[in-house]
Protein backbone atom coordinates (compact mmCIF):
# COMPACT_ATOMS: atom_id res chain seq x y z
CA MET A 1 -15.29 22.82 -5.74
CA SER A 2 -19.05 23.96 -6.23
CA SER A 3 -20.82 24.46 -3.16
CA LYS A 4 -23.04 21.52 -4.47
CA ASP A 5 -19.90 19.07 -4.14
CA LEU A 6 -18.67 20.46 -1.25
CA THR A 7 -21.97 19.94 0.81
CA LYS A 8 -22.29 16.46 -0.89
CA ASN A 9 -18.69 15.60 0.53
CA ALA A 10 -19.33 17.12 3.95
CA LEU A 11 -22.38 15.00 4.15
CA ALA A 12 -20.67 11.81 3.13
CA GLY A 13 -18.02 12.41 5.69
CA LEU A 14 -20.56 12.91 8.42
CA THR A 15 -22.44 9.79 7.61
CA THR A 16 -19.21 7.74 7.62
CA SER A 17 -18.15 9.17 10.87
CA PHE A 18 -21.35 7.45 12.52
CA ALA A 19 -20.05 4.21 10.94
CA LEU A 20 -16.70 4.96 12.18
CA VAL A 21 -17.46 5.49 16.01
CA PRO A 22 -19.06 1.66 16.80
CA GLU A 23 -16.19 -0.11 14.81
CA CYS A 24 -13.32 1.85 16.61
CA ILE A 25 -14.93 1.18 19.87
CA ALA A 26 -15.31 -2.47 19.02
CA PHE A 27 -11.92 -2.93 17.78
CA ALA A 28 -10.43 -1.13 21.08
CA LEU A 29 -12.35 -3.65 23.07
CA VAL A 30 -10.90 -6.66 21.29
CA ALA A 31 -7.37 -5.17 21.88
CA HIS A 32 -8.46 -4.80 25.65
CA LEU A 33 -8.13 -1.10 25.42
CA ASN A 34 -10.21 1.79 26.72
CA PRO A 35 -12.64 2.86 23.82
CA LEU A 36 -11.09 6.40 23.54
CA VAL A 37 -7.87 4.82 22.44
CA GLY A 38 -9.79 3.54 19.30
CA LEU A 39 -11.56 6.98 18.89
CA TYR A 40 -8.39 9.03 18.93
CA GLY A 41 -6.99 6.84 16.49
CA ALA A 42 -9.60 7.05 14.20
CA PHE A 43 -9.29 11.04 14.52
CA PHE A 44 -5.63 11.01 13.54
CA ILE A 45 -5.60 8.39 10.74
CA CYS A 46 -8.76 9.55 8.99
CA THR A 47 -7.90 13.08 9.08
CA ILE A 48 -4.42 12.69 8.34
CA THR A 49 -4.74 10.40 5.54
CA ALA A 50 -7.60 12.34 4.19
CA ILE A 51 -5.60 15.66 3.78
CA PHE A 52 -2.10 14.45 2.71
CA GLY A 53 -2.69 10.71 1.57
CA GLY A 54 -2.95 9.80 -2.15
CA ARG A 55 -6.21 8.49 -2.52
CA PRO A 56 -9.21 11.16 -1.99
CA GLY A 57 -12.59 9.22 -1.09
CA MET A 58 -10.81 6.53 0.86
CA ILE A 59 -11.28 6.41 4.64
CA SER A 60 -8.59 5.24 7.04
CA GLY A 61 -9.11 4.48 10.82
CA ALA A 62 -8.36 2.28 13.71
CA ALA A 63 -8.82 -0.90 12.02
CA GLY A 64 -9.71 -4.49 13.41
CA SER A 65 -7.38 -6.24 11.43
CA MET A 66 -4.34 -4.32 13.24
CA ALA A 67 -6.25 -4.61 16.77
CA VAL A 68 -6.15 -8.33 16.59
CA VAL A 69 -2.40 -8.26 16.00
CA ILE A 70 -1.49 -6.76 19.37
CA VAL A 71 -3.91 -8.63 21.62
CA ALA A 72 -1.40 -10.60 22.87
CA LEU A 73 1.14 -7.47 23.56
CA VAL A 74 -1.42 -5.59 25.44
CA ALA A 75 -2.12 -8.48 27.78
CA GLN A 76 1.46 -9.26 28.32
CA HIS A 77 3.19 -5.79 28.41
CA GLY A 78 0.53 -3.11 28.78
CA LEU A 79 -0.54 0.16 26.78
CA GLN A 80 3.02 2.13 26.76
CA TYR A 81 4.52 -1.07 24.83
CA PHE A 82 1.36 -0.81 22.66
CA LEU A 83 1.86 2.70 21.89
CA ALA A 84 5.30 2.30 21.17
CA THR A 85 4.49 -0.59 18.82
CA VAL A 86 2.14 1.85 16.85
CA VAL A 87 4.73 4.56 16.53
CA LEU A 88 7.46 1.99 15.19
CA SER A 89 4.80 0.37 12.71
CA GLY A 90 4.35 3.88 11.43
CA ILE A 91 7.66 4.56 11.04
CA ILE A 92 7.89 1.05 8.90
CA MET A 93 4.85 2.35 6.76
CA LEU A 94 6.49 5.70 6.17
CA LEU A 95 9.93 4.38 5.04
CA PHE A 96 7.79 1.85 2.59
CA GLY A 97 6.24 4.78 1.07
CA VAL A 98 9.49 6.87 0.79
CA LEU A 99 11.20 3.95 -0.75
CA ARG A 100 8.60 3.81 -3.33
CA LEU A 101 7.61 0.25 -2.69
CA GLY A 102 3.79 0.63 -3.02
CA LYS A 103 4.03 -0.23 -6.55
CA LEU A 104 4.12 -3.95 -5.10
CA VAL A 105 0.72 -4.11 -4.80
CA SER A 106 0.61 -4.58 -8.63
CA MET A 107 1.92 -8.08 -8.00
CA VAL A 108 -1.40 -9.15 -6.33
CA PRO A 109 -3.38 -11.09 -8.84
CA HIS A 110 -6.98 -10.31 -9.86
CA PRO A 111 -8.29 -13.45 -8.11
CA VAL A 112 -6.65 -12.66 -4.84
CA MET A 113 -8.45 -9.06 -4.99
CA LEU A 114 -11.84 -10.75 -5.58
CA GLY A 115 -10.90 -13.16 -2.58
CA PHE A 116 -9.97 -10.22 -0.38
CA VAL A 117 -13.02 -7.94 -1.15
CA ASN A 118 -15.45 -11.38 -0.53
CA GLY A 119 -13.61 -12.45 2.42
CA LEU A 120 -13.92 -8.89 3.97
CA ALA A 121 -17.67 -8.46 3.00
CA ILE A 122 -18.24 -11.64 4.92
CA VAL A 123 -16.20 -10.69 7.92
CA ILE A 124 -18.15 -7.26 8.13
CA ALA A 125 -21.55 -8.81 7.94
CA TRP A 126 -20.55 -11.31 10.53
CA SER A 127 -18.93 -9.10 12.80
CA GLN A 128 -22.38 -7.11 13.04
CA LEU A 129 -24.14 -10.35 14.61
CA GLN A 130 -22.26 -9.48 17.95
CA HIS A 131 -24.94 -6.54 18.33
CA PHE A 132 -27.51 -9.13 18.57
CA ARG A 133 -25.91 -10.80 21.75
CA VAL A 134 -25.73 -9.55 25.15
CA ASP A 135 -24.02 -10.79 28.25
CA GLY A 136 -22.74 -13.66 26.10
CA GLY A 137 -26.62 -14.82 24.90
CA TRP A 138 -28.80 -13.84 22.17
CA LEU A 139 -31.41 -11.17 22.45
CA SER A 140 -34.87 -12.47 23.22
CA GLY A 141 -38.53 -11.29 23.11
CA ALA A 142 -39.31 -7.61 22.00
CA ALA A 143 -35.59 -6.59 22.16
CA MET A 144 -34.68 -9.21 19.34
CA GLY A 145 -37.97 -8.19 17.52
CA TRP A 146 -37.37 -4.41 17.46
CA MET A 147 -33.65 -4.93 16.75
CA CYS A 148 -34.52 -7.04 13.78
CA ALA A 149 -37.22 -4.67 12.52
CA LEU A 150 -35.29 -1.56 12.80
CA VAL A 151 -32.16 -3.18 10.90
CA ALA A 152 -34.99 -4.16 8.32
CA LEU A 153 -36.29 -0.56 8.16
CA THR A 154 -32.57 0.90 7.78
CA MET A 155 -31.68 -1.28 5.12
CA ALA A 156 -35.03 -0.51 3.41
CA ILE A 157 -34.25 3.33 3.63
CA VAL A 158 -30.71 2.80 2.16
CA TYR A 159 -32.05 0.72 -0.87
CA LEU A 160 -35.24 2.94 -1.47
CA LEU A 161 -34.22 6.50 -0.84
CA PRO A 162 -31.88 6.97 -3.86
CA ARG A 163 -35.00 6.17 -6.30
CA VAL A 164 -36.75 9.14 -4.55
CA THR A 165 -33.73 11.70 -3.98
CA ARG A 166 -29.86 11.58 -4.03
CA ALA A 167 -29.82 15.06 -2.43
CA VAL A 168 -28.72 13.55 0.97
CA PRO A 169 -26.97 10.36 1.40
CA PRO A 170 -29.34 7.55 2.24
CA ALA A 171 -27.42 6.35 4.85
CA LEU A 172 -27.39 9.41 6.88
CA VAL A 173 -31.21 9.59 6.41
CA ALA A 174 -31.60 6.05 7.66
CA ILE A 175 -29.32 6.70 10.66
CA VAL A 176 -31.15 9.84 11.59
CA GLY A 177 -34.47 8.71 10.96
CA VAL A 178 -34.37 5.41 12.93
CA GLY A 179 -32.53 7.20 15.68
CA LEU A 180 -35.42 9.83 15.83
CA LEU A 181 -38.14 6.85 15.59
CA ALA A 182 -36.70 4.83 18.51
CA GLU A 183 -36.28 7.96 20.63
CA LEU A 184 -40.00 9.34 19.95
CA LEU A 185 -41.39 5.76 20.45
CA HIS A 186 -39.27 4.93 23.53
CA LEU A 187 -38.21 1.46 21.85
CA PRO A 188 -36.49 -0.84 24.00
CA VAL A 189 -33.27 -1.10 21.84
CA ARG A 190 -29.66 -0.88 22.67
CA THR A 191 -27.61 2.31 21.72
CA LEU A 192 -24.01 3.14 21.10
CA GLY A 193 -23.98 4.33 24.74
CA ASP A 194 -24.51 0.57 25.82
CA MET A 195 -21.26 -0.36 23.81
CA ALA A 196 -19.14 2.41 26.09
CA THR A 197 -19.30 5.92 26.76
CA ILE A 198 -17.01 8.32 24.27
CA ALA A 199 -16.99 11.49 26.14
CA GLY A 200 -13.52 12.70 26.68
CA GLY A 201 -10.94 15.21 26.42
CA LEU A 202 -8.61 16.67 23.89
CA PRO A 203 -5.69 14.06 23.02
CA THR A 204 -2.41 14.75 24.80
CA PHE A 205 1.12 14.42 23.67
CA ASN A 206 2.77 11.59 25.30
CA VAL A 207 6.21 9.74 24.54
CA PRO A 208 5.71 6.16 25.43
CA GLN A 209 7.29 5.75 28.86
CA LEU A 210 9.25 2.66 28.62
CA PRO A 211 13.31 1.75 28.61
CA LEU A 212 15.16 2.70 25.49
CA THR A 213 17.00 -0.91 25.37
CA MET A 214 17.44 -3.74 23.14
CA GLU A 215 15.02 -5.67 25.18
CA THR A 216 12.18 -3.29 24.49
CA LEU A 217 13.13 -3.43 20.73
CA ARG A 218 12.82 -7.12 20.85
CA ILE A 219 9.52 -7.01 22.23
CA VAL A 220 8.02 -4.35 20.09
CA LEU A 221 9.70 -5.01 16.74
CA PRO A 222 7.78 -8.20 15.52
CA TYR A 223 4.71 -6.66 16.63
CA ALA A 224 5.33 -3.57 14.81
CA LEU A 225 6.19 -5.55 11.51
CA LEU A 226 3.17 -7.50 11.68
CA MET A 227 0.96 -4.42 12.13
CA ALA A 228 2.81 -2.76 9.29
CA VAL A 229 2.51 -5.46 6.88
CA VAL A 230 -1.27 -5.96 7.70
CA GLY A 231 -1.86 -2.05 7.69
CA LEU A 232 -0.08 -1.84 4.31
CA LEU A 233 -1.71 -4.77 2.52
CA GLU A 234 -5.46 -3.88 3.39
CA THR A 235 -4.73 -0.06 2.67
CA LEU A 236 -3.00 -0.75 -1.10
CA LEU A 237 -5.87 -3.48 -1.73
CA THR A 238 -8.54 -1.08 -0.66
CA PHE A 239 -6.72 1.61 -2.68
CA ASN A 240 -6.88 -0.43 -5.85
CA LEU A 241 -10.68 -1.10 -5.10
CA THR A 242 -11.33 2.63 -4.77
CA ASP A 243 -9.50 3.35 -7.96
CA GLU A 244 -11.55 0.85 -9.55
CA ILE A 245 -14.87 2.37 -8.46
CA THR A 246 -14.14 5.85 -8.99
CA GLU A 247 -12.24 5.25 -12.18
CA THR A 248 -9.42 7.33 -11.43
CA ARG A 249 -6.04 6.64 -10.11
CA GLY A 250 -4.45 7.56 -6.83
CA LEU A 251 -0.82 7.91 -5.67
CA PRO A 252 0.14 4.57 -3.59
CA ASN A 253 3.44 5.69 -2.22
CA ARG A 254 2.15 8.94 -0.99
CA GLU A 255 -0.82 7.17 0.75
CA CYS A 256 1.81 4.92 2.18
CA VAL A 257 3.80 7.82 3.57
CA ALA A 258 0.46 9.52 5.22
CA LEU A 259 -0.53 6.58 6.61
CA GLY A 260 2.95 6.07 8.23
CA ALA A 261 3.15 9.72 9.44
CA ALA A 262 -0.79 9.11 10.83
CA ASN A 263 0.16 6.13 12.77
CA VAL A 264 3.23 7.84 14.43
CA ALA A 265 1.04 10.87 15.52
CA SER A 266 -1.91 8.47 16.73
CA GLY A 267 0.75 6.52 18.86
CA LEU A 268 2.51 9.67 20.39
CA PHE A 269 -1.03 11.00 21.11
CA GLY A 270 -2.41 7.91 22.82
CA GLY A 271 -4.38 6.19 19.65
CA MET A 272 -4.63 3.07 18.14
CA GLY A 273 -2.76 2.23 15.02
CA GLY A 274 -4.96 1.83 11.90
CA CYS A 275 -5.12 1.52 8.02
CA ALA A 276 -7.87 1.92 5.38
CA MET A 277 -11.16 0.71 6.20
CA ILE A 278 -13.06 -1.21 3.44
CA GLY A 279 -16.37 -0.86 5.09
CA GLN A 280 -16.42 2.79 5.66
CA THR A 281 -14.57 3.53 2.54
CA MET A 282 -17.67 1.95 0.63
CA ILE A 283 -20.19 4.03 2.77
CA ASN A 284 -18.12 7.13 1.89
CA LEU A 285 -18.07 6.47 -1.85
CA SER A 286 -21.82 5.43 -2.04
CA SER A 287 -22.87 8.70 -0.46
CA GLY A 288 -20.99 10.68 -2.76
CA GLY A 289 -17.69 11.22 -1.20
CA ARG A 290 -15.17 11.71 -3.84
CA THR A 291 -12.77 13.98 -2.35
CA ARG A 292 -10.23 14.88 0.77
CA VAL A 293 -13.37 17.02 2.34
CA SER A 294 -15.20 13.80 3.03
CA GLY A 295 -12.48 11.98 4.86
CA THR A 296 -11.41 15.22 6.67
CA VAL A 297 -15.12 15.93 8.03
CA ALA A 298 -15.35 12.25 9.12
CA GLY A 299 -12.18 12.60 10.98
CA VAL A 300 -12.99 15.86 12.57
CA MET A 301 -16.52 14.87 13.54
CA ILE A 302 -14.99 11.77 15.62
CA LEU A 303 -13.16 14.44 17.64
CA LEU A 304 -16.26 16.68 18.06
CA PHE A 305 -18.27 13.34 19.07
CA ILE A 306 -15.63 12.74 21.98
CA LEU A 307 -15.45 16.66 22.91
CA PHE A 308 -19.21 17.99 22.58
CA LEU A 309 -21.81 15.51 20.91
CA SER A 310 -21.33 12.25 23.17
CA PRO A 311 -24.89 12.63 24.76
CA LEU A 312 -26.35 12.67 21.23
CA ILE A 313 -24.04 10.00 19.54
CA GLU A 314 -24.57 7.78 22.53
CA ARG A 315 -28.43 7.50 21.80
CA ILE A 316 -28.12 6.48 18.08
CA PRO A 317 -29.52 2.74 18.12
CA LEU A 318 -27.11 -0.10 17.33
CA ALA A 319 -29.63 -1.23 14.82
CA ALA A 320 -29.46 1.54 12.63
CA LEU A 321 -25.28 1.08 12.26
CA VAL A 322 -25.75 -2.56 11.81
CA GLY A 323 -28.30 -2.24 9.19
CA VAL A 324 -25.93 0.37 7.45
CA MET A 325 -23.18 -2.35 7.74
CA PHE A 326 -25.17 -5.03 6.33
CA VAL A 327 -25.82 -2.93 3.16
CA VAL A 328 -21.95 -2.18 2.79
CA ALA A 329 -21.38 -6.03 3.21
CA GLN A 330 -23.73 -6.79 0.53
CA GLN A 331 -22.55 -3.81 -1.85
CA THR A 332 -18.84 -5.14 -1.35
CA PHE A 333 -19.18 -8.39 -2.03
CA ALA A 334 -18.15 -9.17 -5.47
CA TRP A 335 -21.31 -10.95 -6.63
CA SER A 336 -19.86 -11.09 -10.34
CA SER A 337 -17.15 -13.23 -8.95
CA LEU A 338 -19.84 -15.99 -8.60
CA GLN A 339 -20.69 -15.83 -12.30
CA VAL A 340 -17.22 -16.06 -13.50
CA LEU A 341 -16.18 -19.14 -11.21
CA GLY A 342 -17.20 -21.50 -13.83
CA LYS A 343 -16.07 -19.45 -16.90
CA VAL A 344 -12.28 -18.70 -15.52
CA PRO A 345 -9.39 -21.12 -15.30
CA ARG A 346 -10.16 -23.33 -12.66
CA HIS A 347 -6.81 -22.58 -10.80
CA ASP A 348 -8.30 -18.93 -10.85
CA ALA A 349 -11.59 -19.97 -9.49
CA LEU A 350 -10.02 -21.81 -6.84
CA LEU A 351 -7.89 -18.86 -5.77
CA ILE A 352 -10.77 -16.62 -5.49
CA VAL A 353 -12.41 -19.39 -3.09
CA VAL A 354 -9.32 -20.23 -1.11
CA VAL A 355 -8.28 -16.47 -0.58
CA THR A 356 -12.17 -15.93 0.39
CA CYS A 357 -12.15 -18.76 3.20
CA ILE A 358 -8.61 -17.81 4.48
CA THR A 359 -9.42 -14.02 4.92
CA VAL A 360 -12.76 -15.11 7.01
CA ALA A 361 -10.84 -17.73 8.79
CA THR A 362 -7.61 -16.20 9.65
CA ASP A 363 -6.87 -12.55 8.64
CA LEU A 364 -6.21 -10.35 5.69
CA ALA A 365 -2.25 -10.55 5.55
CA VAL A 366 -2.31 -14.39 5.57
CA ALA A 367 -5.04 -14.73 3.17
CA VAL A 368 -3.27 -12.27 0.41
CA LEU A 369 0.43 -13.88 1.15
CA CYS A 370 -1.23 -17.08 0.78
CA GLY A 371 -3.03 -16.23 -2.58
CA ILE A 372 0.09 -14.59 -3.98
CA VAL A 373 2.26 -17.92 -3.18
CA ILE A 374 -0.59 -20.27 -4.81
CA ALA A 375 -0.92 -17.88 -7.79
CA ALA A 376 2.83 -17.83 -8.27
CA LEU A 377 3.33 -21.48 -7.93
CA SER A 378 0.45 -22.03 -10.41
CA PHE A 379 2.10 -19.60 -12.65
CA ALA A 380 5.29 -21.61 -12.47
CA TRP A 381 3.60 -24.79 -12.87
CA ARG A 382 1.72 -24.08 -15.98
CA HIS A 383 5.04 -22.18 -17.61
CA ALA A 384 7.44 -25.00 -16.60
CA ARG A 385 5.81 -27.38 -19.41
CA GLU A 386 6.11 -24.62 -22.03
CA VAL A 387 9.41 -24.95 -23.06
CA ARG A 388 10.25 -26.61 -26.43
CA THR A 389 13.18 -26.94 -28.96
CA ASP A 390 13.29 -27.31 -32.64
CA ALA A 391 16.41 -29.58 -33.35
CA VAL A 392 17.74 -29.30 -36.97
CA LEU A 393 20.98 -31.33 -38.35
CA ASP A 394 22.99 -29.33 -40.85
CA ALA A 395 24.96 -30.62 -43.70
CA ALA A 396 28.06 -30.27 -41.91
CA GLY A 397 26.92 -32.89 -39.33
CA VAL A 398 26.17 -30.32 -36.65
CA LYS A 399 22.92 -30.25 -34.50
CA HIS A 400 21.27 -27.07 -33.76
CA TYR A 401 18.92 -26.87 -30.72
CA THR A 402 16.60 -23.66 -30.80
CA PRO A 403 14.82 -23.74 -27.50
CA HIS A 404 11.52 -21.51 -27.17
CA GLY A 405 10.26 -20.54 -23.71
CA THR A 406 11.32 -19.58 -20.33
CA LEU A 407 14.02 -21.29 -18.68
CA PHE A 408 13.56 -20.94 -14.72
CA PHE A 409 13.75 -23.18 -11.67
CA ALA A 410 10.50 -24.88 -12.42
CA SER A 411 11.23 -25.99 -16.14
CA ILE A 412 14.68 -27.07 -15.67
CA ALA A 413 13.81 -30.64 -15.52
CA HIS A 414 11.65 -30.46 -18.70
CA PHE A 415 14.28 -28.44 -20.45
CA ASN A 416 16.96 -31.27 -19.46
CA ASP A 417 14.48 -33.80 -21.11
CA LEU A 418 14.84 -32.11 -24.58
CA PHE A 419 18.40 -33.19 -25.05
CA SER A 420 19.98 -36.52 -25.66
CA PRO A 421 24.22 -36.07 -25.38
CA HIS A 422 24.51 -39.89 -26.15
CA ASP A 423 22.37 -39.96 -29.37
CA ASP A 424 23.81 -36.28 -30.50
CA PRO A 425 26.83 -35.75 -32.82
CA GLN A 426 30.09 -34.59 -31.90
CA THR A 427 29.18 -30.96 -32.11
CA VAL A 428 25.88 -29.28 -30.89
CA VAL A 429 24.86 -25.90 -31.00
CA LEU A 430 22.38 -24.43 -28.51
CA ASP A 431 20.88 -21.22 -30.14
CA CYS A 432 19.27 -19.21 -27.16
CA ARG A 433 17.93 -16.44 -29.12
CA HIS A 434 14.17 -17.53 -28.24
CA LEU A 435 14.86 -18.79 -24.92
CA ARG A 436 14.74 -16.51 -21.77
CA LEU A 437 16.89 -17.28 -18.77
CA VAL A 438 15.35 -15.48 -15.89
CA ASP A 439 17.07 -16.55 -12.68
CA HIS A 440 20.42 -17.95 -11.49
CA SER A 441 19.07 -21.58 -11.54
CA ALA A 442 18.41 -21.39 -15.43
CA VAL A 443 22.30 -20.45 -15.87
CA VAL A 444 23.25 -23.16 -13.65
CA ALA A 445 20.76 -25.50 -15.75
CA VAL A 446 22.74 -24.45 -19.04
CA ALA A 447 26.15 -24.92 -17.54
CA ALA A 448 25.22 -28.33 -16.28
CA LEU A 449 23.91 -29.36 -19.97
CA SER A 450 27.35 -28.28 -21.11
CA GLU A 451 28.84 -30.63 -18.61
CA ARG A 452 26.68 -33.39 -19.74
CA TYR A 453 27.99 -33.10 -23.35
CA VAL A 454 31.63 -32.91 -22.04
CA ARG A 455 31.14 -36.27 -20.15
CA ALA A 456 29.82 -37.73 -23.06
CA GLY A 457 33.12 -36.47 -25.12
CA LYS A 458 31.29 -33.93 -27.26
CA CYS A 459 31.21 -30.18 -27.29
CA LEU A 460 28.14 -27.82 -26.92
CA GLN A 461 28.22 -24.23 -28.05
CA VAL A 462 25.99 -21.88 -26.61
CA GLN A 463 24.95 -18.52 -28.87
CA HIS A 464 22.98 -15.71 -28.58
CA LEU A 465 22.80 -15.05 -24.88
CA SER A 466 22.28 -11.98 -23.12
CA PRO A 467 25.72 -10.29 -21.96
CA ARG A 468 24.95 -10.83 -18.29
CA CYS A 469 24.11 -14.77 -18.82
CA GLU A 470 27.07 -15.02 -21.12
CA GLN A 471 29.48 -13.61 -18.36
CA LEU A 472 27.93 -15.84 -15.82
CA LEU A 473 28.52 -18.88 -18.30
CA GLN A 474 31.93 -17.94 -19.25
CA ARG A 475 32.74 -17.78 -15.58
CA ALA A 476 31.35 -21.38 -15.43
CA GLY A 477 33.95 -22.54 -18.14
CA VAL A 478 30.98 -23.02 -20.43
CA PRO A 479 31.98 -22.13 -24.27
CA VAL A 480 29.78 -19.32 -25.79
CA THR A 481 29.94 -17.56 -28.97
CA ALA A 482 28.22 -14.42 -30.30
């Protein structure tokens, strides 16, 4: 790597670290945890996944989607049960990667991906509004005025600086510049230190102190599974998005293994669980971060903030960070999806809108799972009507049916309507060379059709089945010929 690329990636990592801090603090507070728990988690997860993961340029950290999952656990059982949950969820993620299940993300339809991106963009922008409130009410007067002005200034710098120079990340210039301006003019603005203090020491190794009983497992396992599912979904979808932006291909299974190991380490050292963070990933990519250096620098800087630089970092105006995140939300939203809504099939357009709304209203895991189910049902509904058959009566009085299409659980009713046992001749041949039997319901349907002909006093001969389906039908007593 050239010195120029090294510098670019290091600056991108520094910029990303500034954006990681407020998010991790906020997510820790959401989960009713000490902010340092979120920062320690960000350090371990960001650094380990950057060094060992399968997707250079992607940023992981203590994620809000996972923080929301464990609010009830922390409230009812405390910190030690939470840390044990983080460790167990990491083990589940690690096993997911070892079993090479990362390729399952390829089953997520593109409209679901668009809905996921749009929903998270809205969530990112919406979550920034909390910084315009204090003590349960909106800022007012000069405080609100300066907040809006500095947010606008930050966004203007991020948008306009690339037209002048690309030597440094515009988000970094915006954060530092707005911070210096607020400091020199003594502006009445809220800073990162108003959220929480981030000064602390080195994280210490500590196995969660709790009884190793089945009751403990009963409490921890459901939360661990949910955290693992949410973390893997968000990571793999962000993984795909990063692949598209960088026009490169990463290693999803390696990323899952690294993410699992990172969560185990985080839990053992008193940190939160986490996964890929789309907002911070977009900041890193737009700042020029493409290698492992940027993610590693971002993670290490989090630890340096905690140990040495907290007095400086706590003076950064929240307005600067809010402005950067507003730009991230705007750049994350797939605006092209609005243009194609009227051009794509209606079921795909509906899927984009539904997944976007569910992501905003609930969480990512529910949205993606609902999207996959809706897409699968839509696919089944469309293909269920595509089964057709050619019927020919030969000179010997034998009727030959040659069905075309895919026979599965949703197409069985339409398949049955294609045959008339009472009107057909004594011998009927079902030629399956153009018919795909894809599930057990299809095999049962062919067996049931044969039974209908038997009850009508006629014979149905089935031909050209696959060896597996032929064996299943023979076990059901259906006559099959080659």
